């Protein structure tokens, strides 16, 4: 992502928020549907070796802050899942396969989508990503322990209203994948683990 100009990246903010994109020309403004699933990747720094003393450049960690700051906080706030992927060594490739295979994961995802489809009869939202307002409150409000963690994290992480809402939707989805009718503390904790704070000076 940081290889694109910041203005170009920030132009994604409104389409990601509303699911629409507006093209403005001299004689007209035309709005098109633009509900997308954005998948993006970035290295921790320009050389990609941050954290490896043998390969990292002499400007670390300042170079990482400069590089990552090209992606604005408001854009990061609109991306629901942030996953750090550690480098894979040759020794890692020789390890046995994960216990849960792709077919098992696919079955869990299909089951979660079926739960969301059934819920859409009440909410009108096809997926948890579309839950809002009363529907979000009715279906994604966590239990007492989960709410306590959420309030603590919201203050510590300085979650925006947008980040708070998106985090609840992610927690609801995690609960669906686990087959849980309620959003509990463990689902809130996992959802919070996917939130990334923008680099600060």
Protein backbone atom coordinates (compact mmCIF):
# COMPACT_ATOMS: atom_id res chain seq x y z
CA UNK A 1 0.00 0.00 0.00
CA UNK A 2 2.61 2.63 0.87
CA UNK A 3 3.98 2.48 -2.69
CA UNK A 4 0.87 4.38 -3.84
CA UNK A 5 0.56 8.13 -3.35
CA UNK A 6 -1.22 9.07 -0.14
CA UNK A 7 -3.89 11.07 -2.01
CA UNK A 8 -4.72 8.01 -4.12
CA UNK A 9 -5.04 5.82 -1.02
CA UNK A 10 -7.21 8.38 0.76
CA UNK A 11 -9.59 8.43 -2.21
CA UNK A 12 -10.61 4.92 -1.10
CA UNK A 13 -11.97 6.20 2.21
CA UNK A 14 -15.45 7.24 1.06
CA UNK A 15 -16.15 4.16 -1.12
CA UNK A 16 -15.08 1.87 1.74
CA UNK A 17 -17.41 3.73 4.10
CA UNK A 18 -20.53 4.05 1.93
CA UNK A 19 -20.16 1.28 -0.66
CA UNK A 20 -20.49 3.87 -3.43
CA UNK A 21 -18.11 5.89 -5.55
CA UNK A 22 -18.96 9.26 -7.11
CA UNK A 23 -17.25 10.42 -10.29
CA UNK A 24 -17.37 14.19 -10.70
CA UNK A 25 -17.08 15.80 -14.12
CA UNK A 26 -17.79 19.32 -15.37
CA UNK A 27 -21.36 18.58 -16.39
CA UNK A 28 -22.44 15.84 -13.99
CA UNK A 29 -21.82 13.78 -10.89
CA UNK A 30 -22.41 10.04 -11.35
CA UNK A 31 -22.59 7.57 -8.46
CA UNK A 32 -21.80 3.89 -8.94
CA UNK A 33 -22.08 0.95 -6.52
CA UNK A 34 -18.68 0.07 -5.08
CA UNK A 35 -19.16 -2.43 -2.26
CA UNK A 36 -15.84 -4.25 -2.33
CA UNK A 37 -13.66 -6.48 -0.22
CA UNK A 38 -10.32 -4.70 0.04
CA UNK A 39 -7.30 -6.94 0.55
CA UNK A 40 -4.00 -5.08 0.84
CA UNK A 41 -0.45 -5.81 1.93
CA UNK A 42 2.55 -3.81 3.04
CA UNK A 43 6.05 -4.46 4.30
CA UNK A 44 6.98 -3.09 7.74
CA UNK A 45 9.48 -0.75 6.07
CA UNK A 46 10.79 0.00 2.59
CA UNK A 47 13.51 -2.67 2.65
CA UNK A 48 11.20 -5.19 4.34
CA UNK A 49 13.79 -6.33 6.91
CA UNK A 50 12.67 -4.42 10.01
CA UNK A 51 13.40 -6.53 13.08
CA UNK A 52 16.29 -8.42 11.49
CA UNK A 53 19.53 -6.83 12.75
CA UNK A 54 21.56 -8.55 10.05
CA UNK A 55 19.51 -7.18 7.14
CA UNK A 56 17.73 -4.04 8.38
CA UNK A 57 18.92 -0.69 7.08
CA UNK A 58 20.75 1.84 9.24
CA UNK A 59 17.67 4.08 9.51
CA UNK A 60 15.56 1.56 11.45
CA UNK A 61 13.20 2.09 13.19
CA UNK A 62 12.68 5.61 11.83
CA UNK A 63 12.38 4.32 8.27
CA UNK A 64 9.47 2.06 9.35
CA UNK A 65 7.56 4.97 10.87
CA UNK A 66 8.09 7.08 7.72
CA UNK A 67 7.03 4.22 5.45
CA UNK A 68 3.95 3.19 7.43
CA UNK A 69 2.78 6.79 7.87
CA UNK A 70 2.04 6.92 4.14
CA UNK A 71 -1.16 5.05 4.98
CA UNK A 72 -3.36 7.48 6.90
CA UNK A 73 -5.08 6.73 10.19
CA UNK A 74 -8.59 7.30 8.72
CA UNK A 75 -7.90 4.72 5.99
CA UNK A 76 -6.54 2.20 8.51
CA UNK A 77 -9.67 2.80 10.58
CA UNK A 78 -11.79 1.54 7.68
CA UNK A 79 -9.88 -1.75 7.35
CA UNK A 80 -11.39 -4.35 9.69
CA UNK A 81 -8.63 -6.95 9.95
CA UNK A 82 -4.93 -6.21 10.36
CA UNK A 83 -2.78 -9.33 10.47
CA UNK A 84 1.00 -9.34 10.98
CA UNK A 85 2.64 -12.16 9.03
CA UNK A 86 6.06 -13.28 10.24
CA UNK A 87 8.72 -14.32 7.70
CA UNK A 88 8.65 -18.01 6.77
CA UNK A 89 11.94 -19.88 6.98
CA UNK A 90 12.90 -23.09 5.22
CA UNK A 91 12.54 -24.91 8.54
CA UNK A 92 8.94 -23.65 8.81
CA UNK A 93 8.12 -25.21 5.45
CA UNK A 94 9.13 -28.64 6.76
CA UNK A 95 6.65 -28.49 9.65
CA UNK A 96 3.47 -30.61 9.51
CA UNK A 97 0.29 -29.09 8.07
CA UNK A 98 -2.13 -27.25 10.38
CA UNK A 99 -4.63 -29.47 12.16
CA UNK A 100 -7.56 -27.63 10.58
CA UNK A 101 -7.51 -27.97 6.80
CA UNK A 102 -9.07 -25.78 4.14
CA UNK A 103 -12.18 -27.94 3.86
CA UNK A 104 -12.89 -27.63 7.58
CA UNK A 105 -12.39 -23.87 7.45
CA UNK A 106 -14.70 -23.65 4.42
CA UNK A 107 -17.42 -25.53 6.31
CA UNK A 108 -17.14 -23.14 9.27
CA UNK A 109 -17.34 -20.14 6.95
CA UNK A 110 -20.38 -21.56 5.15
CA UNK A 111 -22.07 -22.20 8.50
CA UNK A 112 -21.35 -18.63 9.64
CA UNK A 113 -22.74 -17.24 6.37
CA UNK A 114 -25.89 -19.32 6.84
CA UNK A 115 -26.32 -17.83 10.33
CA UNK A 116 -25.98 -14.32 8.89
CA UNK A 117 -28.45 -15.09 6.09
CA UNK A 118 -31.00 -16.29 8.64
CA UNK A 119 -30.40 -13.12 10.67
CA UNK A 120 -31.00 -10.96 7.59
CA UNK A 121 -34.74 -11.74 7.82
CA UNK A 122 -34.79 -9.64 10.99
CA UNK A 123 -32.16 -7.03 10.15
CA UNK A 124 -32.23 -6.63 6.36
CA UNK A 125 -28.42 -6.89 6.42
CA UNK A 126 -26.97 -9.68 4.26
CA UNK A 127 -23.77 -9.88 6.31
CA UNK A 128 -22.45 -8.64 9.63
CA UNK A 129 -20.52 -5.95 7.75
CA UNK A 130 -23.87 -4.28 7.01
CA UNK A 131 -25.22 -4.38 10.57
CA UNK A 132 -25.87 -0.89 11.90
CA UNK A 133 -27.91 0.99 14.47
CA UNK A 134 -30.52 -1.05 16.34
CA UNK A 135 -29.63 -4.25 14.46
CA UNK A 136 -25.98 -3.97 15.50
CA UNK A 137 -26.98 -3.30 19.10
CA UNK A 138 -29.41 -6.22 19.15
CA UNK A 139 -27.07 -8.82 17.68
CA UNK A 140 -23.52 -7.67 18.54
CA UNK A 141 -23.77 -6.27 22.06
CA UNK A 142 -21.30 -8.30 24.14
CA UNK A 143 -21.97 -9.91 27.52
CA UNK A 144 -20.95 -8.15 30.73
CA UNK A 145 -17.34 -9.39 30.71
CA UNK A 146 -16.97 -8.61 27.02
CA UNK A 147 -18.42 -5.13 27.48
CA UNK A 148 -16.01 -4.40 30.34
CA UNK A 149 -13.06 -5.37 28.14
CA UNK A 150 -14.47 -3.35 25.26
CA UNK A 151 -14.81 -0.19 27.36
CA UNK A 152 -11.29 -0.60 28.73
CA UNK A 153 -9.83 -1.14 25.25
CA UNK A 154 -11.83 1.70 23.69
CA UNK A 155 -10.22 4.12 26.13
CA UNK A 156 -6.70 2.65 25.94
CA UNK A 157 -6.70 2.35 22.13
CA UNK A 158 -8.69 5.56 21.62
CA UNK A 159 -11.10 3.84 19.31
CA UNK A 160 -13.07 6.13 17.03
CA UNK A 161 -16.82 5.65 16.69
CA UNK A 162 -16.14 4.02 13.32
CA UNK A 163 -13.48 1.72 14.78
CA UNK A 164 -15.78 0.78 17.66
CA UNK A 165 -18.61 -0.15 15.29
CA UNK A 166 -16.36 -2.12 12.96
CA UNK A 167 -14.81 -3.95 15.89
CA UNK A 168 -18.28 -5.03 17.09
CA UNK A 169 -19.09 -6.38 13.62
CA UNK A 170 -15.86 -8.37 13.58
CA UNK A 171 -16.59 -9.75 17.06
CA UNK A 172 -20.08 -10.81 15.90
CA UNK A 173 -18.51 -12.63 12.94
CA UNK A 174 -15.94 -14.36 15.16
CA UNK A 175 -18.80 -15.53 17.39
CA UNK A 176 -20.67 -16.83 14.31
CA UNK A 177 -17.59 -18.76 13.19
CA UNK A 178 -17.41 -20.31 16.66
CA UNK A 179 -21.12 -21.18 16.54
CA UNK A 180 -21.84 -18.96 19.54
CA UNK A 181 -25.21 -17.18 19.76
CA UNK A 182 -23.72 -14.48 22.02
CA UNK A 183 -20.70 -12.20 21.72
CA UNK A 184 -18.47 -12.87 24.73
CA UNK A 185 -15.18 -11.60 26.11
CA UNK A 186 -13.08 -14.02 24.03
CA UNK A 187 -14.68 -12.78 20.80
CA UNK A 188 -14.11 -9.15 21.79
CA UNK A 189 -10.48 -9.92 22.66
CA UNK A 190 -9.84 -11.51 19.27
CA UNK A 191 -11.54 -8.66 17.41
CA UNK A 192 -9.41 -6.13 19.31
CA UNK A 193 -6.27 -8.02 18.32
CA UNK A 194 -7.01 -7.15 14.69
CA UNK A 195 -7.15 -3.40 15.29
CA UNK A 196 -4.00 -1.48 14.34
CA UNK A 197 -3.16 1.95 15.64
CA UNK A 198 -1.65 4.43 13.16
CA UNK A 199 2.02 5.31 13.75
CA UNK A 200 2.48 8.31 16.02
CA UNK A 201 5.31 10.81 15.93
